[in-house]
Structures are given as C-alpha cells and as structure tokens.
C-alpha cells in the first residue's frame, strides 16, 4: 500500500514563528512514518517557502527558540501543486502547523483551496473568525457562551467604560501564544499595556480578568464525527501571574 504524502508546513511571518517550529517538531516526532511520507516545508520570517530536510529538528536550546533559516531550496506554489528543485512534490494533503496571522487566520487555507490541495484543520471562515477575538467573542456570545466583558481599541487614546475595572487583560486581537499580552493590576499600567499590544497588532482587546481555572480540550473532526480529548487543567508556577509566553514555552515547571 502506498503511503499518503503529507506536507508539514511551519514557521511563517507572524510573531509566533518560533512556536510554529516547536509545534511542527511535535508532529514530526509523533507521525507514523509507516503510513505517511513526509515533506517538510518551512516559511521564513521574510515569507520565503523552503523545502527542508525531513530529519530537521526544532528544539529550544539554551533558551534560544528555533527558526526557519533564510537559505535553502525554494518551493514554488503553482496550480499543479508545490514544486521544489524543479520537481512536483506530489502532495496528497497539507498539514499547516502555523500559528498566528498568515497561517491560522484563513489565508493559507484559502491559498490551498485555490490550488486544489487538501489540508488538515478548519476552513477559511472558521479560521478567520477564530483568529480575530473582536469577531470571535460576539459570535460566541450570540451562541450563548459566556465571554469576558471587554472593548476593542486601535490606539492609546481611549475611554475605559464603567463596567470594566482592574484587574484587566490587554492583548492583541489577532495573535496567540500570549505574545503581547499583559495583566493590568493598576489603571496607571493600562496605556503602557495597550501600547505594547499595539506593537503586535493594530487592534487590541481590553477585557475584564476572569478568576478561574486554565483548561484545554482538543476536538478532532473526521468523517463528520467528533473526537473530544480529555479536559486538561494547566497548573503554572506561582512565580507567574498568568499563563504567559515564558510560562508556556520557556519554563519547565508548568504541569498538566
């Protein structure tokens, strides 16, 4: 039986480039090589698509996060598929292990649909909506789900409504991995937190902090059936005020 050829795509132009590489490493370690043939494609921070060695290893070394190198065999995106070194890679399905804009936001999903390549994950609309918290939250609320009260701002000049008070969370509307996210315990910290978030996105969410447990749950749809994982609770070290970037990726004390 012939193997299904899977293109694993990682890296990307977003601020979560390094995290994408770490996630891809997990996929590379877990995927069954008896069933799947792998082609590894890295997108550099400048946006170049490169064909990478299948034995690439993306790990954190001495606190340094992995990145896609800028040099290598470039991949061309054509109506016939993905071409590298003058050869069609003959991809059966794409596994986009990308985080943030230009990856999770529906853009690469739309590109793959245009050139007729099947892919893993949500479609264009779901990806676009869920990437932008300013759209996702109202949609969740309309479906009857509870969401934290908040506002959207686009500059450091704004008026905080009376229903919001410290502690607050400030975060980029279209980013993840807690990049650019701050917890505000004093009103005097708010403008600085907004300015920090604006370096990651032109749209920022200010929302009420919610006291509760940090949980995660994975849902996989296959053949119109849903498989739901066990619910996991994330326990972080007391030195962290919230589950920030360092707690997620650079500290080993986090427990699940």
Foldseek 3Di string as FASTA:
>chain_A
DDAAEEEEEAAEQAPCRLVLLVVVLVVLVPDDVVRYHYWYWYQANVGWIATDDSPDHFDQDPNRGDGDDPDHFTWDQDLQAIDTPNDHPPHAEYEYSYFFPPGQQLNVLVSCVVSVHHYDDDHRVVSNQVQFQVRVVVVCVVVVDDDFDKDKDQALDDDDDPVADPQKKKAARRGDLQQLIDTDHDPVCVSVSNVSRCVRPRMMIIGHDDDDWDKDKDWHADPNDIDIDDIDTKDFDPVDPDCHNCRVGPDDRIDD
